[in-house]
Amino acid sequence: MALIFSSFVLSNYELPKAAYAQAVEFREYIDTFDGYSFMYPRNWIQVRGAGADIFFRDPLVLDENLSVEISSPSSSKYKSVKDLGPPEEAGKGVLKQYLTEFMSTRLGVRRESSVLSTSSRVADDGKLYYDVEVSIKSYANNNELAVMPQDRVARLEWDRRYLSVLGVENNCLYELRIQTPEKVFVQEESDIRAIMNSFRANKIAA
């Protein structure tokens, strides 16, 4: 149903000069049914059935993706992103949610995580948004069933950065989530921040 009311349009959205320097073309995704919009790299593909309201993925870097989550207005009614507390508190909540989702029952798996930064800003729509950046590293033993400790060597499985933009509209909490390998983030930081800065929670027409 939401896809019927959603539209994909090319946009001349003004991006940082650094993003232009990397020659990345952006499209704008506008969901008028659920009330949000954002820019995304034109070559990214939409993945259906991923569990989020919308999900796009880089076809070349499969660990790089973005999604949007929307809270249910029946469970809680948000008036402002300030309902989450200050940005620092919101950051702790975002990290906790990620760790819960990535919880593993495998033996020998260990996660290292931290909140890298939290901030707030007022966008050109006059709304307050929180930006949260989280780092999570996953380690696993190469032989978790080995009897001797020296035979259970932990190796890095993945090292990713998770970036969230939180906003409130229509009594709902909107969250834009971006996942990217840490090495890729270093190369594409300006483009990723352009996506974050483009995210808007929009009023749904009655």
N, C-alpha and C. Protein backbone atom coordinates (compact mmCIF):
# COMPACT_ATOMS: atom_id res chain seq x y z
N MET A 1 0.84 -1.20 0.00
CA MET A 1 0.00 0.00 0.00
C MET A 1 0.87 1.25 0.00
N ALA A 2 1.92 1.23 0.87
CA ALA A 2 2.78 2.41 0.96
C ALA A 2 3.46 2.70 -0.36
N LEU A 3 3.81 1.63 -1.10
CA LEU A 3 4.53 1.82 -2.34
C LEU A 3 3.66 2.52 -3.37
N ILE A 4 2.33 2.37 -3.28
CA ILE A 4 1.44 3.02 -4.22
C ILE A 4 1.54 4.53 -4.07
N PHE A 5 1.72 4.97 -2.84
CA PHE A 5 1.77 6.40 -2.56
C PHE A 5 3.19 6.94 -2.56
N SER A 6 4.17 6.07 -2.72
CA SER A 6 5.56 6.49 -2.72
C SER A 6 5.97 6.86 -4.13
N SER A 7 6.99 7.69 -4.23
CA SER A 7 7.47 8.06 -5.56
C SER A 7 8.97 8.24 -5.55
N PHE A 8 9.59 7.90 -6.67
CA PHE A 8 11.02 8.09 -6.83
C PHE A 8 11.19 9.20 -7.85
N VAL A 9 11.90 10.26 -7.50
CA VAL A 9 12.11 11.34 -8.46
C VAL A 9 13.56 11.77 -8.42
N LEU A 10 14.09 12.12 -9.59
CA LEU A 10 15.42 12.69 -9.64
C LEU A 10 15.35 14.09 -9.06
N SER A 11 16.39 14.50 -8.39
CA SER A 11 16.35 15.79 -7.73
C SER A 11 17.66 16.52 -7.93
N ASN A 12 17.60 17.84 -7.92
CA ASN A 12 18.81 18.65 -7.95
C ASN A 12 19.19 19.05 -6.54
N TYR A 13 18.95 18.16 -5.60
CA TYR A 13 19.24 18.42 -4.19
C TYR A 13 20.68 18.90 -4.04
N GLU A 14 20.89 19.96 -3.31
CA GLU A 14 22.22 20.55 -3.19
C GLU A 14 23.05 19.75 -2.20
N LEU A 15 24.10 19.12 -2.69
CA LEU A 15 24.98 18.30 -1.88
C LEU A 15 26.31 19.01 -1.68
N PRO A 16 27.06 18.61 -0.66
CA PRO A 16 28.36 19.20 -0.44
C PRO A 16 29.26 19.04 -1.66
N LYS A 17 30.16 19.99 -1.86
CA LYS A 17 31.05 19.93 -3.01
C LYS A 17 31.87 18.64 -3.04
N ALA A 18 32.21 18.14 -1.86
CA ALA A 18 33.00 16.90 -1.80
C ALA A 18 32.24 15.75 -2.43
N ALA A 19 30.92 15.75 -2.27
CA ALA A 19 30.12 14.68 -2.85
C ALA A 19 30.13 14.76 -4.37
N TYR A 20 30.08 15.99 -4.90
CA TYR A 20 30.16 16.15 -6.34
C TYR A 20 31.51 15.70 -6.87
N ALA A 21 32.54 15.95 -6.08
CA ALA A 21 33.89 15.59 -6.51
C ALA A 21 34.01 14.09 -6.72
N GLN A 22 33.23 13.31 -6.01
CA GLN A 22 33.28 11.87 -6.15
C GLN A 22 32.32 11.38 -7.22
N ALA A 23 31.64 12.32 -7.91
CA ALA A 23 30.77 12.02 -9.04
C ALA A 23 29.70 11.00 -8.67
N VAL A 24 29.10 11.15 -7.51
CA VAL A 24 28.02 10.26 -7.08
C VAL A 24 26.69 10.92 -7.43
N GLU A 25 25.87 10.21 -8.20
CA GLU A 25 24.54 10.70 -8.54
C GLU A 25 23.56 10.27 -7.47
N PHE A 26 22.70 11.18 -7.09
CA PHE A 26 21.72 10.90 -6.06
C PHE A 26 20.30 10.96 -6.63
N ARG A 27 19.44 10.12 -6.08
CA ARG A 27 18.01 10.18 -6.31
C ARG A 27 17.34 10.56 -5.00
N GLU A 28 16.13 11.04 -5.11
CA GLU A 28 15.35 11.33 -3.92
C GLU A 28 14.22 10.32 -3.80
N TYR A 29 14.10 9.74 -2.62
CA TYR A 29 12.97 8.84 -2.34
C TYR A 29 11.98 9.60 -1.47
N ILE A 30 10.74 9.68 -1.92
CA ILE A 30 9.70 10.39 -1.18
C ILE A 30 8.56 9.42 -0.89
N ASP A 31 8.28 9.21 0.37
CA ASP A 31 7.15 8.37 0.76
C ASP A 31 6.08 9.29 1.34
N THR A 32 5.07 9.60 0.53
CA THR A 32 4.02 10.51 0.98
C THR A 32 3.00 9.81 1.86
N PHE A 33 2.97 8.48 1.80
CA PHE A 33 2.02 7.73 2.61
C PHE A 33 2.48 7.67 4.07
N ASP A 34 3.77 7.35 4.29
CA ASP A 34 4.29 7.23 5.66
C ASP A 34 4.96 8.51 6.15
N GLY A 35 5.27 9.44 5.25
CA GLY A 35 5.75 10.74 5.66
C GLY A 35 7.24 10.87 5.90
N TYR A 36 8.06 10.57 4.89
CA TYR A 36 9.50 10.81 5.02
C TYR A 36 10.13 10.86 3.63
N SER A 37 11.35 11.41 3.58
CA SER A 37 12.08 11.50 2.32
C SER A 37 13.57 11.53 2.62
N PHE A 38 14.37 11.14 1.63
CA PHE A 38 15.82 11.16 1.76
C PHE A 38 16.46 10.98 0.39
N MET A 39 17.73 11.31 0.30
CA MET A 39 18.51 11.09 -0.91
C MET A 39 19.28 9.77 -0.76
N TYR A 40 19.51 9.10 -1.88
CA TYR A 40 20.31 7.87 -1.87
C TYR A 40 21.09 7.76 -3.18
N PRO A 41 22.23 7.08 -3.19
CA PRO A 41 23.00 6.92 -4.42
C PRO A 41 22.17 6.22 -5.50
N ARG A 42 22.22 6.74 -6.69
CA ARG A 42 21.34 6.27 -7.75
C ARG A 42 21.56 4.79 -8.08
N ASN A 43 22.78 4.29 -7.91
CA ASN A 43 23.05 2.90 -8.27
C ASN A 43 22.63 1.90 -7.19
N TRP A 44 22.19 2.38 -6.01
CA TRP A 44 21.74 1.46 -4.97
C TRP A 44 20.40 0.86 -5.36
N ILE A 45 20.16 -0.36 -4.91
CA ILE A 45 18.95 -1.06 -5.29
C ILE A 45 18.04 -1.27 -4.07
N GLN A 46 16.74 -1.25 -4.32
CA GLN A 46 15.78 -1.49 -3.25
C GLN A 46 15.64 -2.99 -3.02
N VAL A 47 15.65 -3.39 -1.75
CA VAL A 47 15.47 -4.79 -1.36
C VAL A 47 14.14 -4.90 -0.63
N ARG A 48 13.26 -5.72 -1.16
CA ARG A 48 11.94 -5.89 -0.55
C ARG A 48 11.97 -7.04 0.45
N GLY A 49 11.11 -6.95 1.46
CA GLY A 49 11.03 -8.02 2.44
C GLY A 49 12.16 -8.03 3.44
N ALA A 50 12.85 -6.87 3.60
CA ALA A 50 13.99 -6.79 4.52
C ALA A 50 13.57 -6.48 5.95
N GLY A 51 12.27 -6.24 6.16
CA GLY A 51 11.79 -5.99 7.52
C GLY A 51 11.63 -4.53 7.88
N ALA A 52 12.30 -3.64 7.16
CA ALA A 52 12.19 -2.21 7.42
C ALA A 52 11.09 -1.62 6.55
N ASP A 53 10.75 -0.35 6.80
CA ASP A 53 9.75 0.29 5.96
C ASP A 53 10.26 0.44 4.54
N ILE A 54 11.54 0.74 4.40
CA ILE A 54 12.21 0.79 3.10
C ILE A 54 13.66 0.38 3.31
N PHE A 55 14.26 -0.24 2.30
CA PHE A 55 15.63 -0.74 2.45
C PHE A 55 16.33 -0.64 1.10
N PHE A 56 17.48 0.03 1.08
CA PHE A 56 18.32 0.13 -0.11
C PHE A 56 19.70 -0.42 0.21
N ARG A 57 20.35 -1.00 -0.82
CA ARG A 57 21.67 -1.59 -0.61
C ARG A 57 22.58 -1.28 -1.79
N ASP A 58 23.84 -1.08 -1.47
CA ASP A 58 24.86 -0.92 -2.50
C ASP A 58 25.05 -2.28 -3.17
N PRO A 59 24.86 -2.39 -4.49
CA PRO A 59 24.99 -3.70 -5.14
C PRO A 59 26.42 -4.22 -5.19
N LEU A 60 27.39 -3.34 -4.96
CA LEU A 60 28.79 -3.75 -5.01
C LEU A 60 29.36 -4.03 -3.63
N VAL A 61 28.88 -3.30 -2.63
CA VAL A 61 29.33 -3.50 -1.24
C VAL A 61 28.11 -3.96 -0.46
N LEU A 62 27.94 -5.26 -0.31
CA LEU A 62 26.69 -5.80 0.23
C LEU A 62 26.48 -5.45 1.70
N ASP A 63 27.54 -5.10 2.41
CA ASP A 63 27.41 -4.71 3.82
C ASP A 63 27.04 -3.24 3.98
N GLU A 64 26.88 -2.54 2.87
CA GLU A 64 26.54 -1.11 2.93
C GLU A 64 25.08 -0.95 2.52
N ASN A 65 24.29 -0.38 3.41
CA ASN A 65 22.87 -0.25 3.13
C ASN A 65 22.26 0.87 3.96
N LEU A 66 21.02 1.18 3.66
CA LEU A 66 20.26 2.13 4.47
C LEU A 66 18.83 1.64 4.58
N SER A 67 18.18 2.04 5.64
CA SER A 67 16.80 1.65 5.87
C SER A 67 16.11 2.74 6.69
N VAL A 68 14.79 2.67 6.74
CA VAL A 68 14.01 3.59 7.56
C VAL A 68 13.08 2.77 8.45
N GLU A 69 13.09 3.09 9.72
CA GLU A 69 12.19 2.46 10.70
C GLU A 69 11.24 3.53 11.24
N ILE A 70 9.98 3.15 11.45
CA ILE A 70 8.97 4.07 11.96
C ILE A 70 8.28 3.42 13.15
N SER A 71 8.17 4.16 14.24
CA SER A 71 7.49 3.62 15.42
C SER A 71 5.98 3.58 15.18
N SER A 72 5.30 2.76 15.95
CA SER A 72 3.85 2.67 15.84
C SER A 72 3.20 3.74 16.73
N PRO A 73 2.34 4.57 16.17
CA PRO A 73 1.68 5.61 17.00
C PRO A 73 0.76 5.01 18.05
N SER A 74 0.40 3.75 17.92
CA SER A 74 -0.48 3.12 18.90
C SER A 74 0.27 2.73 20.18
N SER A 75 1.61 2.55 20.06
CA SER A 75 2.40 2.16 21.23
C SER A 75 2.95 3.36 21.98
N SER A 76 3.23 4.44 21.26
CA SER A 76 3.74 5.66 21.91
C SER A 76 3.53 6.84 20.96
N LYS A 77 3.27 7.99 21.52
CA LYS A 77 3.05 9.19 20.71
C LYS A 77 4.16 10.19 21.01
N TYR A 78 4.98 10.44 20.00
CA TYR A 78 6.10 11.36 20.16
C TYR A 78 5.69 12.76 19.72
N LYS A 79 6.10 13.74 20.48
CA LYS A 79 5.86 15.13 20.15
C LYS A 79 7.11 15.80 19.59
N SER A 80 8.25 15.32 20.04
CA SER A 80 9.54 15.85 19.60
C SER A 80 10.60 14.80 19.83
N VAL A 81 11.69 14.92 19.09
CA VAL A 81 12.80 13.99 19.31
C VAL A 81 13.38 14.16 20.71
N LYS A 82 13.07 15.30 21.33
CA LYS A 82 13.51 15.52 22.71
C LYS A 82 12.89 14.53 23.68
N ASP A 83 11.80 13.86 23.26
CA ASP A 83 11.19 12.85 24.10
C ASP A 83 12.15 11.69 24.38
N LEU A 84 13.20 11.57 23.57
CA LEU A 84 14.22 10.53 23.77
C LEU A 84 15.26 10.96 24.78
N GLY A 85 15.16 12.19 25.25
CA GLY A 85 16.19 12.74 26.13
C GLY A 85 17.19 13.53 25.30
N PRO A 86 18.30 13.93 25.90
CA PRO A 86 19.34 14.62 25.13
C PRO A 86 19.98 13.67 24.12
N PRO A 87 20.73 14.18 23.14
CA PRO A 87 21.35 13.31 22.13
C PRO A 87 22.18 12.18 22.72
N GLU A 88 22.86 12.45 23.83
CA GLU A 88 23.70 11.41 24.43
C GLU A 88 22.87 10.22 24.89
N GLU A 89 21.71 10.49 25.48
CA GLU A 89 20.84 9.41 25.92
C GLU A 89 20.26 8.67 24.72
N ALA A 90 19.89 9.41 23.69
CA ALA A 90 19.38 8.78 22.48
C ALA A 90 20.44 7.87 21.86
N GLY A 91 21.70 8.31 21.91
CA GLY A 91 22.78 7.51 21.37
C GLY A 91 22.93 6.18 22.08
N LYS A 92 22.78 6.20 23.40
CA LYS A 92 22.85 4.95 24.17
C LYS A 92 21.72 4.01 23.77
N GLY A 93 20.55 4.58 23.53
CA GLY A 93 19.41 3.76 23.13
C GLY A 93 19.62 3.14 21.75
N VAL A 94 20.19 3.92 20.83
CA VAL A 94 20.47 3.41 19.49
C VAL A 94 21.47 2.27 19.55
N LEU A 95 22.55 2.45 20.33
CA LEU A 95 23.55 1.39 20.46
C LEU A 95 22.95 0.14 21.07
N LYS A 96 22.15 0.30 22.10
CA LYS A 96 21.52 -0.85 22.74
C LYS A 96 20.64 -1.61 21.76
N GLN A 97 19.91 -0.89 20.92
CA GLN A 97 19.04 -1.53 19.94
C GLN A 97 19.84 -2.32 18.92
N TYR A 98 20.94 -1.73 18.44
CA TYR A 98 21.79 -2.44 17.48
C TYR A 98 22.36 -3.71 18.10
N LEU A 99 22.86 -3.62 19.31
CA LEU A 99 23.46 -4.79 19.96
C LEU A 99 22.42 -5.88 20.19
N THR A 100 21.19 -5.47 20.49
CA THR A 100 20.11 -6.46 20.67
C THR A 100 19.83 -7.18 19.35
N GLU A 101 19.82 -6.43 18.26
CA GLU A 101 19.54 -7.02 16.96
C GLU A 101 20.65 -7.94 16.49
N PHE A 102 21.89 -7.61 16.88
CA PHE A 102 23.04 -8.40 16.43
C PHE A 102 23.46 -9.45 17.46
N MET A 103 22.63 -9.66 18.46
CA MET A 103 22.97 -10.65 19.48
C MET A 103 23.15 -12.02 18.84
N SER A 104 24.21 -12.72 19.22
CA SER A 104 24.53 -14.01 18.62
C SER A 104 24.57 -15.10 19.68
N THR A 105 24.09 -16.28 19.30
CA THR A 105 24.14 -17.44 20.20
C THR A 105 25.33 -18.33 19.89
N ARG A 106 26.14 -17.94 18.93
CA ARG A 106 27.33 -18.74 18.59
C ARG A 106 28.36 -18.66 19.71
N LEU A 107 29.03 -19.75 19.93
CA LEU A 107 30.10 -19.78 20.93
C LEU A 107 31.29 -18.97 20.44
N GLY A 108 31.95 -18.29 21.36
CA GLY A 108 33.18 -17.59 21.02
C GLY A 108 33.00 -16.28 20.29
N VAL A 109 31.78 -15.75 20.23
CA VAL A 109 31.55 -14.47 19.56
C VAL A 109 31.60 -13.34 20.58
N ARG A 110 32.34 -12.30 20.23
CA ARG A 110 32.48 -11.15 21.13
C ARG A 110 32.30 -9.87 20.32
N ARG A 111 31.60 -8.92 20.89
CA ARG A 111 31.37 -7.65 20.21
C ARG A 111 32.00 -6.50 20.99
N GLU A 112 32.66 -5.62 20.28
CA GLU A 112 33.17 -4.39 20.85
C GLU A 112 32.37 -3.24 20.24
N SER A 113 31.84 -2.37 21.08
CA SER A 113 30.98 -1.31 20.56
C SER A 113 31.18 -0.02 21.33
N SER A 114 30.86 1.07 20.67
CA SER A 114 30.94 2.38 21.32
C SER A 114 30.13 3.39 20.53
N VAL A 115 29.64 4.40 21.24
CA VAL A 115 28.98 5.53 20.59
C VAL A 115 30.07 6.52 20.23
N LEU A 116 30.26 6.76 18.95
CA LEU A 116 31.34 7.65 18.50
C LEU A 116 30.96 9.12 18.64
N SER A 117 29.71 9.44 18.33
CA SER A 117 29.29 10.84 18.44
C SER A 117 27.77 10.95 18.45
N THR A 118 27.29 11.99 19.09
CA THR A 118 25.87 12.33 19.08
C THR A 118 25.75 13.84 18.92
N SER A 119 24.75 14.27 18.19
CA SER A 119 24.56 15.71 18.01
C SER A 119 23.11 15.99 17.63
N SER A 120 22.74 17.25 17.71
CA SER A 120 21.40 17.67 17.31
C SER A 120 21.53 18.82 16.33
N ARG A 121 20.52 18.96 15.48
CA ARG A 121 20.53 20.05 14.51
C ARG A 121 19.09 20.35 14.10
N VAL A 122 18.87 21.57 13.68
CA VAL A 122 17.58 21.97 13.13
C VAL A 122 17.75 22.06 11.63
N ALA A 123 16.96 21.26 10.89
CA ALA A 123 17.06 21.24 9.44
C ALA A 123 16.26 22.37 8.83
N ASP A 124 16.28 22.44 7.49
CA ASP A 124 15.58 23.54 6.82
C ASP A 124 14.07 23.41 6.88
N ASP A 125 13.57 22.26 7.40
CA ASP A 125 12.12 22.14 7.60
C ASP A 125 11.70 22.63 8.97
N GLY A 126 12.67 23.13 9.74
CA GLY A 126 12.39 23.68 11.06
C GLY A 126 12.30 22.64 12.16
N LYS A 127 12.52 21.37 11.83
CA LYS A 127 12.42 20.31 12.82
C LYS A 127 13.80 19.97 13.40
N LEU A 128 13.76 19.48 14.64
CA LEU A 128 14.97 19.07 15.33
C LEU A 128 15.26 17.60 15.00
N TYR A 129 16.51 17.31 14.66
CA TYR A 129 16.94 15.94 14.38
C TYR A 129 18.17 15.61 15.23
N TYR A 130 18.26 14.35 15.61
CA TYR A 130 19.45 13.85 16.30
C TYR A 130 20.25 12.98 15.33
N ASP A 131 21.57 13.17 15.34
CA ASP A 131 22.48 12.31 14.57
C ASP A 131 23.29 11.47 15.55
N VAL A 132 23.36 10.17 15.29
CA VAL A 132 24.08 9.25 16.17
C VAL A 132 25.01 8.39 15.33
N GLU A 133 26.27 8.26 15.77
CA GLU A 133 27.22 7.38 15.09
C GLU A 133 27.74 6.34 16.07
N VAL A 134 27.70 5.09 15.64
CA VAL A 134 28.05 3.96 16.49
C VAL A 134 29.07 3.09 15.76
N SER A 135 30.02 2.56 16.50
CA SER A 135 30.98 1.61 15.96
C SER A 135 30.78 0.25 16.62
N ILE A 136 30.71 -0.80 15.80
CA ILE A 136 30.59 -2.16 16.32
C ILE A 136 31.57 -3.06 15.58
N LYS A 137 32.36 -3.78 16.35
CA LYS A 137 33.29 -4.78 15.80
C LYS A 137 32.88 -6.14 16.31
N SER A 138 32.91 -7.14 15.45
CA SER A 138 32.55 -8.50 15.83
C SER A 138 33.77 -9.40 15.72
N TYR A 139 34.06 -10.13 16.81
CA TYR A 139 35.17 -11.07 16.83
C TYR A 139 34.61 -12.47 17.08
N ALA A 140 35.26 -13.46 16.48
CA ALA A 140 34.85 -14.86 16.69
C ALA A 140 36.10 -15.74 16.76
N ASN A 141 36.04 -16.76 17.61
CA ASN A 141 37.15 -17.70 17.72
C ASN A 141 37.22 -18.56 16.46
N ASN A 142 38.46 -18.82 16.01
CA ASN A 142 38.61 -19.64 14.82
C ASN A 142 38.26 -21.11 15.07
N ASN A 143 38.30 -21.52 16.35
CA ASN A 143 37.94 -22.90 16.71
C ASN A 143 37.32 -22.87 18.09
N GLU A 144 36.03 -22.52 18.13
CA GLU A 144 35.37 -22.31 19.42
C GLU A 144 35.21 -23.58 20.25
N LEU A 145 35.37 -24.75 19.61
CA LEU A 145 35.22 -26.02 20.34
C LEU A 145 36.56 -26.59 20.83
N ALA A 146 37.63 -25.86 20.57
CA ALA A 146 38.94 -26.33 21.00
C ALA A 146 39.01 -26.38 22.53
N VAL A 147 39.70 -27.38 23.07
CA VAL A 147 39.81 -27.56 24.52
C VAL A 147 40.80 -26.56 25.10
N MET A 148 41.92 -26.37 24.44
CA MET A 148 42.98 -25.50 24.95
C MET A 148 42.73 -24.05 24.55
N PRO A 149 42.86 -23.12 25.49
CA PRO A 149 42.62 -21.70 25.19
C PRO A 149 43.48 -21.19 24.05
N GLN A 150 44.73 -21.65 23.96
CA GLN A 150 45.62 -21.15 22.92
C GLN A 150 45.17 -21.56 21.51
N ASP A 151 44.27 -22.55 21.46
CA ASP A 151 43.76 -22.97 20.16
C ASP A 151 42.50 -22.22 19.76
N ARG A 152 42.01 -21.37 20.65
CA ARG A 152 40.83 -20.56 20.35
C ARG A 152 41.27 -19.11 20.13
N VAL A 153 41.64 -18.82 18.90
CA VAL A 153 42.16 -17.49 18.56
C VAL A 153 41.03 -16.63 18.00
N ALA A 154 40.83 -15.47 18.61
CA ALA A 154 39.77 -14.57 18.16
C ALA A 154 40.23 -13.81 16.91
N ARG A 155 39.37 -13.76 15.93
CA ARG A 155 39.66 -13.01 14.70
C ARG A 155 38.53 -12.02 14.43
N LEU A 156 38.87 -10.93 13.78
CA LEU A 156 37.89 -9.90 13.46
C LEU A 156 37.02 -10.38 12.31
N GLU A 157 35.71 -10.47 12.56
CA GLU A 157 34.76 -10.86 11.51
C GLU A 157 34.36 -9.66 10.66
N TRP A 158 33.98 -8.58 11.34
CA TRP A 158 33.63 -7.37 10.63
C TRP A 158 33.76 -6.16 11.54
N ASP A 159 33.95 -5.03 10.89
CA ASP A 159 34.12 -3.74 11.57
C ASP A 159 33.25 -2.75 10.82
N ARG A 160 32.15 -2.32 11.46
CA ARG A 160 31.17 -1.48 10.77
C ARG A 160 30.85 -0.21 11.55
N ARG A 161 30.43 0.77 10.79
CA ARG A 161 29.91 2.00 11.40
C ARG A 161 28.41 2.07 11.10
N TYR A 162 27.66 2.44 12.13
CA TYR A 162 26.21 2.58 12.01
C TYR A 162 25.85 4.03 12.32
N LEU A 163 25.13 4.64 11.41
CA LEU A 163 24.76 6.04 11.55
C LEU A 163 23.24 6.16 11.51
N SER A 164 22.68 6.85 12.48
CA SER A 164 21.23 7.01 12.58
C SER A 164 20.86 8.48 12.62
N VAL A 165 19.76 8.80 11.97
CA VAL A 165 19.16 10.12 12.07
C VAL A 165 17.77 9.91 12.65
N LEU A 166 17.47 10.60 13.74
CA LEU A 166 16.21 10.45 14.44
C LEU A 166 15.40 11.73 14.32
N GLY A 167 14.14 11.58 13.95
CA GLY A 167 13.25 12.73 13.85
C GLY A 167 11.83 12.33 14.22
N VAL A 168 11.01 13.31 14.54
CA VAL A 168 9.63 13.04 14.96
C VAL A 168 8.65 13.85 14.12
N GLU A 169 7.60 13.17 13.69
CA GLU A 169 6.47 13.80 13.00
C GLU A 169 5.32 12.82 13.04
N ASN A 170 4.11 13.32 12.91
CA ASN A 170 2.91 12.46 12.88
C ASN A 170 2.81 11.56 14.12
N ASN A 171 3.30 12.07 15.25
CA ASN A 171 3.32 11.32 16.51
C ASN A 171 4.18 10.06 16.45
N CYS A 172 5.05 9.98 15.46
CA CYS A 172 5.91 8.81 15.28
C CYS A 172 7.38 9.20 15.35
N LEU A 173 8.20 8.24 15.76
CA LEU A 173 9.65 8.40 15.71
C LEU A 173 10.14 7.78 14.41
N TYR A 174 10.85 8.57 13.62
CA TYR A 174 11.43 8.11 12.36
C TYR A 174 12.94 7.94 12.56
N GLU A 175 13.47 6.85 12.04
CA GLU A 175 14.91 6.63 12.12
C GLU A 175 15.45 6.19 10.78
N LEU A 176 16.35 7.00 10.23
CA LEU A 176 17.12 6.61 9.05
C LEU A 176 18.37 5.90 9.55
N ARG A 177 18.61 4.69 9.07
CA ARG A 177 19.77 3.91 9.49
C ARG A 177 20.70 3.67 8.30
N ILE A 178 21.96 3.90 8.50
CA ILE A 178 22.95 3.61 7.47
C ILE A 178 24.00 2.69 8.07
N GLN A 179 24.28 1.61 7.38
CA GLN A 179 25.33 0.67 7.79
C GLN A 179 26.41 0.66 6.73
N THR A 180 27.67 0.74 7.14
CA THR A 180 28.76 0.70 6.18
C THR A 180 30.02 0.14 6.83
N PRO A 181 30.81 -0.67 6.11
CA PRO A 181 32.09 -1.11 6.66
C PRO A 181 32.96 0.11 6.97
N GLU A 182 33.72 0.02 8.03
CA GLU A 182 34.53 1.16 8.46
C GLU A 182 35.47 1.65 7.36
N LYS A 183 36.08 0.73 6.62
CA LYS A 183 36.99 1.13 5.55
C LYS A 183 36.26 1.87 4.44
N VAL A 184 35.04 1.47 4.17
CA VAL A 184 34.25 2.14 3.14
C VAL A 184 33.81 3.51 3.61
N PHE A 185 33.49 3.63 4.90
CA PHE A 185 33.06 4.91 5.45
C PHE A 185 34.14 5.97 5.26
N VAL A 186 35.38 5.60 5.47
CA VAL A 186 36.49 6.54 5.32
C VAL A 186 36.52 7.10 3.90
N GLN A 187 36.20 6.26 2.92
CA GLN A 187 36.25 6.68 1.53
C GLN A 187 35.00 7.45 1.11
N GLU A 188 33.86 7.17 1.74
CA GLU A 188 32.59 7.72 1.29
C GLU A 188 31.91 8.63 2.32
N GLU A 189 32.67 9.13 3.25
CA GLU A 189 32.08 9.88 4.36
C GLU A 189 31.23 11.05 3.88
N SER A 190 31.70 11.82 2.90
CA SER A 190 30.94 13.00 2.47
C SER A 190 29.60 12.60 1.86
N ASP A 191 29.56 11.50 1.13
CA ASP A 191 28.32 11.04 0.53
C ASP A 191 27.35 10.54 1.60
N ILE A 192 27.87 9.82 2.57
CA ILE A 192 27.03 9.28 3.64
C ILE A 192 26.43 10.42 4.46
N ARG A 193 27.24 11.44 4.74
CA ARG A 193 26.71 12.57 5.50
C ARG A 193 25.69 13.36 4.68
N ALA A 194 25.85 13.37 3.37
CA ALA A 194 24.86 14.03 2.52
C ALA A 194 23.52 13.31 2.62
N ILE A 195 23.55 11.97 2.67
CA ILE A 195 22.32 11.20 2.84
C ILE A 195 21.68 11.53 4.18
N MET A 196 22.49 11.54 5.23
CA MET A 196 21.97 11.84 6.56
C MET A 196 21.32 13.22 6.60
N ASN A 197 21.98 14.21 6.04
CA ASN A 197 21.48 15.58 6.09
C ASN A 197 20.22 15.77 5.25
N SER A 198 19.98 14.84 4.32
CA SER A 198 18.81 14.97 3.44
C SER A 198 17.54 14.39 4.06
N PHE A 199 17.68 13.61 5.11
CA PHE A 199 16.52 12.90 5.68
C PHE A 199 15.53 13.88 6.30
N ARG A 200 14.25 13.71 5.97
CA ARG A 200 13.19 14.56 6.52
C ARG A 200 12.01 13.68 6.95
N ALA A 201 11.45 14.01 8.09
CA ALA A 201 10.17 13.43 8.53
C ALA A 201 9.10 14.44 8.17
N ASN A 202 8.18 14.04 7.31
CA ASN A 202 7.23 14.99 6.73
C ASN A 202 5.80 14.77 7.26
N LYS A 203 5.09 15.86 7.36
CA LYS A 203 3.70 15.81 7.80
C LYS A 203 2.85 15.08 6.76
N ILE A 204 2.06 14.11 7.23
CA ILE A 204 1.17 13.39 6.33
C ILE A 204 -0.12 14.19 6.16
N ALA A 205 -0.49 14.37 4.91
CA ALA A 205 -1.71 15.13 4.64
C ALA A 205 -2.93 14.38 5.15
N ALA A 206 -3.83 15.10 5.75
CA ALA A 206 -5.04 14.48 6.31
C ALA A 206 -5.95 13.99 5.19
